[in-house]
C-alpha atoms as a PDB file:
ATOM      1  CA  MET A   1      -0.003   0.013   0.023  1.00  0.00           C
ATOM      2  CA  ILE A   2       2.739   2.436   0.822  1.00  0.00           C
ATOM      3  CA  GLU A   3       4.247   1.943  -2.631  1.00  0.00           C
ATOM      4  CA  GLY A   4       0.910   3.195  -4.089  1.00  0.00           C
ATOM      5  CA  VAL A   5       0.842   6.235  -1.781  1.00  0.00           C
ATOM      6  CA  MET A   6       4.405   7.136  -2.673  1.00  0.00           C
ATOM      7  CA  LEU A   7       3.696   6.768  -6.396  1.00  0.00           C
ATOM      8  CA  ALA A   8       0.657   9.040  -6.143  1.00  0.00           C
ATOM      9  CA  TRP A   9       2.715  11.535  -4.090  1.00  0.00           C
ATOM     10  CA  PHE A  10       5.514  11.728  -6.684  1.00  0.00           C
ATOM     11  CA  VAL A  11       3.044  12.071  -9.597  1.00  0.00           C
ATOM     12  CA  LEU A  12       1.295  14.934  -7.792  1.00  0.00           C
ATOM     13  CA  THR A  13       4.655  16.533  -6.950  1.00  0.00           C
ATOM     14  CA  GLY A  14       5.698  16.445 -10.547  1.00  0.00           C
ATOM     15  CA  LEU A  15       2.522  18.045 -11.653  1.00  0.00           C
ATOM     16  CA  SER A  16       2.696  20.723  -8.839  1.00  0.00           C
ATOM     17  CA  LEU A  17       6.353  21.466  -9.660  1.00  0.00           C
ATOM     18  CA  ALA A  18       5.525  21.880 -13.399  1.00  0.00           C
ATOM     19  CA  PHE A  19       2.745  24.255 -12.536  1.00  0.00           C
ATOM     20  CA  VAL A  20       4.831  26.437 -10.132  1.00  0.00           C
ATOM     21  CA  VAL A  21       7.795  26.575 -12.473  1.00  0.00           C
ATOM     22  CA  ILE A  22       5.540  27.757 -15.409  1.00  0.00           C
ATOM     23  CA  ASP A  23       3.475  30.123 -13.379  1.00  0.00           C
ATOM     24  CA  ILE A  24       5.911  31.770 -10.863  1.00  0.00           C
ATOM     25  CA  PRO A  25       7.750  33.925 -13.361  1.00  0.00           C
ATOM     26  CA  LYS A  26       4.549  36.012 -13.645  1.00  0.00           C
ATOM     27  CA  THR A  27       4.459  36.600  -9.926  1.00  0.00           C
ATOM     28  CA  PRO A  28       6.059  39.982  -8.894  1.00  0.00           C
ATOM     29  CA  GLU A  29       8.002  38.260  -5.987  1.00  0.00           C
ATOM     30  CA  SER A  30      11.718  38.545  -5.254  1.00  0.00           C
ATOM     31  CA  THR A  31      13.880  36.010  -6.999  1.00  0.00           C
ATOM     32  CA  VAL A  32      15.168  34.330  -3.807  1.00  0.00           C
ATOM     33  CA  LEU A  33      11.638  33.713  -2.731  1.00  0.00           C
ATOM     34  CA  LYS A  34      10.646  32.383  -6.123  1.00  0.00           C
ATOM     35  CA  TRP A  35      13.399  29.889  -5.963  1.00  0.00           C
ATOM     36  CA  ALA A  36      12.487  29.098  -2.406  1.00  0.00           C
ATOM     37  CA  PHE A  37       8.993  28.240  -3.533  1.00  0.00           C
ATOM     38  CA  VAL A  38      10.247  25.991  -6.339  1.00  0.00           C
ATOM     39  CA  ILE A  39      12.576  24.088  -3.815  1.00  0.00           C
ATOM     40  CA  LEU A  40       9.661  23.762  -1.417  1.00  0.00           C
ATOM     41  CA  VAL A  41       7.406  22.329  -3.946  1.00  0.00           C
ATOM     42  CA  VAL A  42      10.061  19.866  -4.973  1.00  0.00           C
ATOM     43  CA  PHE A  43       9.737  18.333  -1.395  1.00  0.00           C
ATOM     44  CA  THR A  44       6.217  19.340  -0.400  1.00  0.00           C
ATOM     45  CA  GLY A  45       4.429  18.740  -3.661  1.00  0.00           C
ATOM     46  CA  PRO A  46       0.779  19.709  -3.840  1.00  0.00           C
ATOM     47  CA  LEU A  47       0.865  21.153  -0.439  1.00  0.00           C
ATOM     48  CA  GLY A  48       3.714  23.592  -1.617  1.00  0.00           C
ATOM     49  CA  ALA A  49       1.745  24.448  -4.715  1.00  0.00           C
ATOM     50  CA  PHE A  50      -1.357  25.073  -2.621  1.00  0.00           C
ATOM     51  CA  PHE A  51       0.531  27.470  -0.391  1.00  0.00           C
ATOM     52  CA  TYR A  52       1.919  29.180  -3.458  1.00  0.00           C
ATOM     53  CA  VAL A  53      -1.438  29.844  -4.907  1.00  0.00           C
ATOM     54  CA  LEU A  54      -2.949  30.752  -1.469  1.00  0.00           C
ATOM     55  CA  GLY A  55      -0.220  32.819  -0.191  1.00  0.00           C
ATOM     56  CA  CYS A  56       1.861  34.371  -3.023  1.00  0.00           C
ATOM     57  CA  ARG A  57       0.369  34.129  -6.492  1.00  0.00           C
ATOM     58  CA  GLU A  58      -0.988  37.420  -7.611  1.00  0.00           C
ATOM     59  CA  PRO A  59      -4.743  37.043  -8.081  1.00  0.00           C
ATOM     60  CA  LEU A  60      -5.053  40.171 -10.256  1.00  0.00           C
ATOM     61  CA  LYS A  61      -2.379  42.299 -11.945  1.00  0.00           C
ATOM     62  CA  GLY A  62      -1.267  45.000  -9.624  1.00  0.00           C
ATOM     63  CA  THR A  63      -2.671  43.480  -6.471  1.00  0.00           C
ATOM     64  CA  HIS A  64       0.365  41.466  -5.141  1.00  0.00           C
ATOM     65  CA  GLU A  65       1.648  43.985  -2.559  1.00  0.00           C
ATOM     66  CA  LYS A  66      -1.779  44.187  -0.869  1.00  0.00           C
ATOM     67  CA  PHE A  67      -2.500  40.510  -1.356  1.00  0.00           C
ATOM     68  CA  VAL A  68       0.644  39.370   0.456  1.00  0.00           C
ATOM     69  CA  SER A  69       0.345  42.121   3.222  1.00  0.00           C
ATOM     70  CA  ALA A  70      -1.801  39.880   5.499  1.00  0.00           C
ATOM     71  CA  THR A  71       0.229  38.735   8.448  1.00  0.00           C
ATOM     72  CA  TRP A  72      -0.238  34.978   7.812  1.00  0.00           C
ATOM     73  CA  ARG A  73       0.940  35.401   4.324  1.00  0.00           C
ATOM     74  CA  GLN A  74       3.955  37.337   5.460  1.00  0.00           C
ATOM     75  CA  VAL A  75       4.619  34.491   7.926  1.00  0.00           C
ATOM     76  CA  LEU A  76       4.154  31.974   5.202  1.00  0.00           C
ATOM     77  CA  GLY A  77       6.922  33.657   3.086  1.00  0.00           C
ATOM     78  CA  SER A  78       9.135  33.722   6.155  1.00  0.00           C
ATOM     79  CA  THR A  79       8.712  30.084   6.922  1.00  0.00           C
ATOM     80  CA  MET A  80       8.896  28.959   3.340  1.00  0.00           C
ATOM     81  CA  HIS A  81      12.212  30.804   2.993  1.00  0.00           C
ATOM     82  CA  CYS A  82      13.481  29.035   6.079  1.00  0.00           C
ATOM     83  CA  ALA A  83      12.198  25.586   5.071  1.00  0.00           C
ATOM     84  CA  ALA A  84      13.670  25.844   1.575  1.00  0.00           C
ATOM     85  CA  GLY A  85      17.234  26.941   2.555  1.00  0.00           C
ATOM     86  CA  ASP A  86      17.530  24.997   5.823  1.00  0.00           C
ATOM     87  CA  GLY A  87      15.501  22.001   4.476  1.00  0.00           C
ATOM     88  CA  LEU A  88      17.839  21.709   1.543  1.00  0.00           C
ATOM     89  CA  GLY A  89      20.904  21.423   3.756  1.00  0.00           C
ATOM     90  CA  ILE A  90      19.300  19.029   6.207  1.00  0.00           C
ATOM     91  CA  ILE A  91      18.168  16.696   3.506  1.00  0.00           C
ATOM     92  CA  ALA A  92      21.571  16.773   1.753  1.00  0.00           C
ATOM     93  CA  GLY A  93      23.108  15.937   5.136  1.00  0.00           C
ATOM     94  CA  ALA A  94      20.682  13.167   5.735  1.00  0.00           C
ATOM     95  CA  ALA A  95      21.675  11.740   2.270  1.00  0.00           C
ATOM     96  CA  ILE A  96      25.385  12.021   2.855  1.00  0.00           C
ATOM     97  CA  GLY A  97      24.971  10.570   6.353  1.00  0.00           C
ATOM     98  CA  ALA A  98      23.082   7.598   4.989  1.00  0.00           C
ATOM     99  CA  ALA A  99      25.517   6.929   2.274  1.00  0.00           C
ATOM    100  CA  LEU A 100      28.526   7.093   4.766  1.00  0.00           C
ATOM    101  CA  HIS A 101      26.564   5.077   7.379  1.00  0.00           C
ATOM    102  CA  LEU A 102      27.296   7.755  10.017  1.00  0.00           C
ATOM    103  CA  SER A 103      26.315   7.148  13.681  1.00  0.00           C
ATOM    104  CA  PRO A 104      23.038   8.912  14.784  1.00  0.00           C
ATOM    105  CA  TRP A 105      24.844  11.766  16.590  1.00  0.00           C
ATOM    106  CA  SER A 106      27.247  12.370  13.649  1.00  0.00           C
ATOM    107  CA  ASP A 107      24.339  12.254  11.245  1.00  0.00           C
ATOM    108  CA  PHE A 108      22.517  14.932  13.338  1.00  0.00           C
ATOM    109  CA  ALA A 109      25.600  16.989  13.546  1.00  0.00           C
ATOM    110  CA  LEU A 110      25.994  16.929   9.801  1.00  0.00           C
ATOM    111  CA  GLU A 111      22.442  17.681   9.132  1.00  0.00           C
ATOM    112  CA  TYR A 112      22.314  20.523  11.502  1.00  0.00           C
ATOM    113  CA  ALA A 113      25.666  22.088  10.303  1.00  0.00           C
ATOM    114  CA  LEU A 114      24.604  21.862   6.606  1.00  0.00           C
ATOM    115  CA  GLY A 115      21.069  23.032   7.213  1.00  0.00           C
ATOM    116  CA  PHE A 116      21.966  26.010   9.357  1.00  0.00           C
ATOM    117  CA  GLY A 117      25.128  26.863   7.336  1.00  0.00           C
ATOM    118  CA  PHE A 118      23.378  26.921   3.944  1.00  0.00           C
ATOM    119  CA  GLY A 119      20.124  28.474   5.193  1.00  0.00           C
ATOM    120  CA  TRP A 120      22.006  31.291   7.102  1.00  0.00           C
ATOM    121  CA  ALA A 121      25.087  31.939   5.069  1.00  0.00           C
ATOM    122  CA  TYR A 122      23.477  31.899   1.679  1.00  0.00           C
ATOM    123  CA  PHE A 123      19.688  31.704   1.650  1.00  0.00           C
ATOM    124  CA  GLN A 124      19.295  34.425   4.368  1.00  0.00           C
ATOM    125  CA  ALA A 125      22.480  36.473   4.633  1.00  0.00           C
ATOM    126  CA  PHE A 126      23.779  36.500   1.095  1.00  0.00           C
ATOM    127  CA  ALA A 127      20.520  36.361  -0.829  1.00  0.00           C
ATOM    128  CA  MET A 128      18.936  39.074   1.328  1.00  0.00           C
ATOM    129  CA  ARG A 129      22.014  41.241   1.875  1.00  0.00           C
ATOM    130  CA  ASP A 130      20.495  44.262  -0.057  1.00  0.00           C
ATOM    131  CA  MET A 131      17.900  44.519   2.781  1.00  0.00           C
ATOM    132  CA  VAL A 132      20.632  45.821   4.978  1.00  0.00           C
ATOM    133  CA  GLY A 133      22.379  48.092   2.587  1.00  0.00           C
ATOM    134  CA  GLY A 134      24.355  45.397   0.680  1.00  0.00           C
ATOM    135  CA  SER A 135      26.727  44.483   3.515  1.00  0.00           C
ATOM    136  CA  TYR A 136      27.142  40.686   3.797  1.00  0.00           C
ATOM    137  CA  ILE A 137      28.749  40.906   7.131  1.00  0.00           C
ATOM    138  CA  ARG A 138      25.938  43.009   8.570  1.00  0.00           C
ATOM    139  CA  SER A 139      23.434  40.681   7.035  1.00  0.00           C
ATOM    140  CA  LEU A 140      25.070  37.702   8.732  1.00  0.00           C
ATOM    141  CA  LYS A 141      24.684  39.569  12.089  1.00  0.00           C
ATOM    142  CA  GLU A 142      21.139  40.512  11.420  1.00  0.00           C
ATOM    143  CA  THR A 143      19.971  37.110  10.360  1.00  0.00           C
ATOM    144  CA  PHE A 144      21.853  34.994  12.753  1.00  0.00           C
ATOM    145  CA  ILE A 145      19.171  34.776  15.601  1.00  0.00           C
ATOM    146  CA  PRO A 146      16.164  34.531  13.320  1.00  0.00           C
ATOM    147  CA  GLU A 147      17.863  31.754  11.400  1.00  0.00           C
ATOM    148  CA  LEU A 148      18.968  29.999  14.568  1.00  0.00           C
ATOM    149  CA  VAL A 149      15.513  29.753  16.220  1.00  0.00           C
ATOM    150  CA  SER A 150      13.750  29.038  13.045  1.00  0.00           C
ATOM    151  CA  MET A 151      16.138  26.312  12.203  1.00  0.00           C
ATOM    152  CA  ASN A 152      15.824  24.725  15.734  1.00  0.00           C
ATOM    153  CA  LEU A 153      12.155  24.270  15.319  1.00  0.00           C
ATOM    154  CA  LEU A 154      12.336  23.109  11.716  1.00  0.00           C
ATOM    155  CA  MET A 155      14.847  20.400  12.734  1.00  0.00           C
ATOM    156  CA  ALA A 156      12.870  19.516  15.802  1.00  0.00           C
ATOM    157  CA  GLY A 157       9.894  18.528  13.593  1.00  0.00           C
ATOM    158  CA  MET A 158      12.078  16.808  10.871  1.00  0.00           C
ATOM    159  CA  ILE A 159      14.202  14.586  13.148  1.00  0.00           C
ATOM    160  CA  PRO A 160      11.542  12.449  14.827  1.00  0.00           C
ATOM    161  CA  THR A 161       9.536  12.181  11.584  1.00  0.00           C
ATOM    162  CA  MET A 162      12.519  11.008   9.632  1.00  0.00           C
ATOM    163  CA  LYS A 163      13.522   8.466  12.322  1.00  0.00           C
ATOM    164  CA  PHE A 164       9.930   7.293  12.778  1.00  0.00           C
ATOM    165  CA  LEU A 165       9.246   6.630   9.097  1.00  0.00           C
ATOM    166  CA  MET A 166      12.774   5.061   8.392  1.00  0.00           C
ATOM    167  CA  ARG A 167      11.999   2.402  10.853  1.00  0.00           C
ATOM    168  CA  ARG A 168       8.615   1.594   9.299  1.00  0.00           C
ATOM    169  CA  ILE A 169       9.136   2.043   5.516  1.00  0.00           C
ATOM    170  CA  GLU A 170      11.354  -0.337   3.651  1.00  0.00           C
ATOM    171  CA  GLY A 171      14.274   1.501   1.806  1.00  0.00           C
ATOM    172  CA  ALA A 172      13.624   4.826   3.635  1.00  0.00           C
ATOM    173  CA  GLY A 173      17.138   4.860   4.863  1.00  0.00           C
ATOM    174  CA  ASP A 174      18.700   4.547   1.394  1.00  0.00           C
ATOM    175  CA  PRO A 175      19.078   7.725  -0.655  1.00  0.00           C
ATOM    176  CA  LEU A 176      19.024   5.552  -3.837  1.00  0.00           C
ATOM    177  CA  GLN A 177      15.371   4.489  -2.990  1.00  0.00           C
ATOM    178  CA  PRO A 178      12.220   6.486  -3.595  1.00  0.00           C
ATOM    179  CA  ALA A 179      11.213   5.767  -0.031  1.00  0.00           C
ATOM    180  CA  PHE A 180      13.988   7.923   1.316  1.00  0.00           C
ATOM    181  CA  TRP A 181      12.817  11.096  -0.680  1.00  0.00           C
ATOM    182  CA  PHE A 182       9.147  10.466   0.307  1.00  0.00           C
ATOM    183  CA  THR A 183      10.333  10.337   3.977  1.00  0.00           C
ATOM    184  CA  MET A 184      12.302  13.537   3.511  1.00  0.00           C
ATOM    185  CA  SER A 185       9.196  15.187   2.095  1.00  0.00           C
ATOM    186  CA  MET A 186       7.011  14.170   5.043  1.00  0.00           C
ATOM    187  CA  ALA A 187       9.719  15.324   7.457  1.00  0.00           C
ATOM    188  CA  LEU A 188       9.922  18.700   5.768  1.00  0.00           C
ATOM    189  CA  ILE A 189       6.218  19.237   5.994  1.00  0.00           C
ATOM    190  CA  VAL A 190       6.120  18.415   9.691  1.00  0.00           C
ATOM    191  CA  GLY A 191       9.188  20.785  10.242  1.00  0.00           C
ATOM    192  CA  PHE A 192       7.439  23.489   8.317  1.00  0.00           C
ATOM    193  CA  ALA A 193       4.422  23.265  10.501  1.00  0.00           C
ATOM    194  CA  LEU A 194       6.468  23.375  13.665  1.00  0.00           C
ATOM    195  CA  ALA A 195       8.501  26.257  12.380  1.00  0.00           C
ATOM    196  CA  TYR A 196       5.477  28.439  11.378  1.00  0.00           C
ATOM    197  CA  PRO A 197       4.718  29.742  14.940  1.00  0.00           C
ATOM    198  CA  ILE A 198       8.239  30.962  15.666  1.00  0.00           C
ATOM    199  CA  ASN A 199       8.305  32.597  12.246  1.00  0.00           C
ATOM    200  CA  TRP A 200       5.053  34.387  13.139  1.00  0.00           C
ATOM    201  CA  TRP A 201       6.798  35.660  16.322  1.00  0.00           C
ATOM    202  CA  LEU A 202       9.877  36.758  14.331  1.00  0.00           C
ATOM    203  CA  VAL A 203       7.770  38.562  11.572  1.00  0.00           C
ATOM    204  CA  VAL A 204       5.497  40.516  14.027  1.00  0.00           C
ATOM    205  CA  ASN A 205       8.474  41.484  16.106  1.00  0.00           C
ATOM    206  CA  ASN A 206      10.348  42.931  13.259  1.00  0.00           C
ATOM    207  CA  MET A 207      13.164  40.375  13.135  1.00  0.00           C
ATOM    208  CA  LYS A 208      12.439  38.646   9.816  1.00  0.00           C
ATOM    209  CA  HIS A 209      10.996  39.629   6.418  1.00  0.00           C
ATOM    210  CA  GLY A 210       8.016  37.996   4.869  1.00  0.00           C
ATOM    211  CA  MET A 211       6.663  38.128   1.234  1.00  0.00           C
ATOM    212  CA  LEU A 212       7.961  40.910  -0.810  1.00  0.00           C
ATOM    213  CA  THR A 213       6.750  42.607  -3.986  1.00  0.00           C
ATOM    214  CA  VAL A 214       8.968  43.592  -6.970  1.00  0.00           C
ATOM    215  CA  LEU A 215       7.404  46.666  -8.558  1.00  0.00           C
ATOM    216  CA  ARG A 216       6.405  46.346 -12.164  1.00  0.00           C
ATOM    217  CA  ALA A 217       8.392  48.513 -14.535  1.00  0.00           C
ATOM    218  CA  GLU A 218       5.647  51.024 -15.266  1.00  0.00           C
ATOM    219  CA  ALA A 219       5.036  51.582 -11.550  1.00  0.00           C
ATOM    220  CA  ALA A 220       8.855  52.081 -10.970  1.00  0.00           C
ATOM    221  CA  GLY A 221       9.208  54.479 -13.813  1.00  0.00           C
ATOM    222  CA  GLY A 222      10.443  51.989 -16.327  1.00  0.00           C
ATOM    223  CA  ALA A 223       9.568  52.245 -20.052  1.00  0.00           C
ATOM    224  CA  LYS A 224       8.480  48.707 -20.697  1.00  0.00           C
ATOM    225  CA  PRO A 225       4.901  48.103 -19.510  1.00  0.00           C
ATOM    226  CA  GLY A 226       4.198  44.778 -17.806  1.00  0.00           C
ATOM    227  CA  ALA A 227       7.840  43.930 -17.170  1.00  0.00           C
ATOM    228  CA  HIS A 228       9.329  43.437 -13.701  1.00  0.00           C
ATOM    229  CA  ASP A 229      12.249  45.263 -12.510  1.00  0.00           C
ATOM    230  CA  ALA A 230      15.342  43.215 -12.422  1.00  0.00           C
ATOM    231  CA  ASP A 231      16.020  42.350  -8.880  1.00  0.00           C
ATOM    232  CA  ALA A 232      19.671  42.156  -8.137  1.00  0.00           C
ATOM    233  CA  GLY A 233      18.765  42.527  -4.403  1.00  0.00           C
ATOM    234  CA  HIS A 234      15.492  42.177  -2.451  1.00  0.00           C
ATOM    235  CA  GLY A 235      15.166  44.958   0.062  1.00  0.00           C
ATOM    236  CA  GLY A 236      13.867  48.212  -1.400  1.00  0.00           C
ATOM    237  CA  GLU A 237      16.901  48.728  -3.758  1.00  0.00           C
ATOM    238  CA  ASP A 238      15.407  46.527  -6.558  1.00  0.00           C
ATOM    239  CA  GLY A 239      11.905  47.980  -6.429  1.00  0.00           C
ATOM    240  CA  SER A 240      10.736  45.538  -3.764  1.00  0.00           C
ATOM    241  CA  THR A 241       8.011  46.779  -1.596  1.00  0.00           C
ATOM    242  CA  GLY A 242       5.932  45.430   1.206  1.00  0.00           C
ATOM    243  CA  PRO A 243       6.196  45.195   5.054  1.00  0.00           C
ATOM    244  CA  GLY A 244       9.508  43.577   4.910  1.00  0.00           C
ATOM    245  CA  ALA A 245      11.207  45.540   2.137  1.00  0.00           C
ATOM    246  CA  GLY A 246      13.154  47.848   4.373  1.00  0.00           C
ATOM    247  CA  GLY A 247      15.221  45.166   5.976  1.00  0.00           C
ATOM    248  CA  HIS A 248      14.991  42.429   8.657  1.00  0.00           C
ATOM    249  CA  GLY A 249      14.716  44.951  11.409  1.00  0.00           C
ATOM    250  CA  GLU A 250      12.193  47.226   9.878  1.00  0.00           C
ATOM    251  CA  HIS A 251       9.220  44.927   9.237  1.00  0.00           C
ATOM    252  CA  GLY A 252       6.214  46.937  10.329  1.00  0.00           C
ATOM    253  CA  GLY A 253       8.196  49.773  11.562  1.00  0.00           C
ATOM    254  CA  GLY A 254       8.056  48.630  15.167  1.00  0.00           C
ATOM    255  CA  GLU A 255      10.537  47.841  17.936  1.00  0.00           C
ATOM    256  CA  ARG A 256      12.340  44.515  18.396  1.00  0.00           C
ATOM    257  CA  PRO A 257      12.004  42.530  21.650  1.00  0.00           C
ATOM    258  CA  GLY A 258      14.732  43.092  24.255  1.00  0.00           C
ATOM    259  CA  PRO A 259      17.698  40.887  24.730  1.00  0.00           C
ATOM    260  CA  GLY A 260      16.076  39.017  27.691  1.00  0.00           C
ATOM    261  CA  THR A 261      13.053  37.987  25.704  1.00  0.00           C
ATOM    262  CA  ILE A 262      15.227  36.913  22.773  1.00  0.00           C
ATOM    263  CA  LEU A 263      17.324  34.697  25.010  1.00  0.00           C
ATOM    264  CA  VAL A 264      14.262  33.061  26.453  1.00  0.00           C
ATOM    265  CA  VAL A 265      12.993  32.398  22.991  1.00  0.00           C
ATOM    266  CA  ILE A 266      16.361  31.001  21.996  1.00  0.00           C
ATOM    267  CA  ALA A 267      16.329  28.702  24.996  1.00  0.00           C
ATOM    268  CA  VAL A 268      12.786  27.558  24.307  1.00  0.00           C
ATOM    269  CA  THR A 269      13.698  26.615  20.764  1.00  0.00           C
ATOM    270  CA  PHE A 270      16.734  24.575  21.836  1.00  0.00           C
ATOM    271  CA  ALA A 271      14.398  22.796  24.428  1.00  0.00           C
ATOM    272  CA  PHE A 272      12.156  21.871  21.608  1.00  0.00           C
ATOM    273  CA  LEU A 273      15.133  20.508  19.681  1.00  0.00           C
ATOM    274  CA  ALA A 274      16.280  18.557  22.692  1.00  0.00           C
ATOM    275  CA  ALA A 275      12.840  17.141  23.246  1.00  0.00           C
ATOM    276  CA  ALA A 276      12.857  16.123  19.471  1.00  0.00           C
ATOM    277  CA  LEU A 277      16.228  14.311  19.930  1.00  0.00           C
ATOM    278  CA  TRP A 278      14.925  12.510  23.052  1.00  0.00           C
ATOM    279  CA  LEU A 279      11.817  11.487  21.130  1.00  0.00           C
ATOM    280  CA  ALA A 280      13.870  10.395  18.086  1.00  0.00           C
ATOM    281  CA  GLY A 281      16.180   8.305  20.402  1.00  0.00           C
ATOM    282  CA  GLY A 282      13.388   5.716  20.548  1.00  0.00           C
ATOM    283  CA  PHE A 283      13.648   5.397  16.815  1.00  0.00           C
ATOM    284  CA  PHE A 284      17.495   5.266  16.410  1.00  0.00           C
END
């Protein structure tokens, strides 16, 4: 029976990916978030495509900025960005760890290092550096804590799911088998759900961007109607607008939480991660 479920999942994922790849160039979203949606759909299939239509796809021309301004859509963009970057690194780590037959703790360390490293150093800090004036070093500093707490909860959802399914689906521990990739998809979906609340906190407390809108050429003073501005960056300098366009610390124009609150939140996310490791221990 599980083979039939996996086959249906992969077919739906292929159709969903084709739809998003064809449709998303018409959506006035920043390039990095477009890629994030494509990556997300590779692993979350029809669910990712559903979230793209519900949360990002422009319903009518010229309405994208207003459409994505709802807080839940901003948070969707933030969580999706995290899940795409971190998730790609985590899944790469899981594949490498399985191929090398690493011990559970070595496997976890590799997944965490690759997930956090890729998500923070590239998907967040490098890809979004124009939101803080183009400085990569400043972007690394600005994105470190948001990336850390979001990564912890994404991983807290993924680890137990991976270990649970790997013990119950034949071939799920082998990267050369379809069952492995089905397991990674299910794990990323659970991780996404667990990371959504912390991303809500990050967005409403002005610590992380959400969806962005790249202004069309005619709105930005360009001469080619209907074209989108080329987005070399994603934070106001490329025509991006929206609640998060001014930078990670300027979402909504409010104040950030104090250091004490931030430390408590960091501790809570590590507690969730520790609980996930304890739970997954029963599946090792």
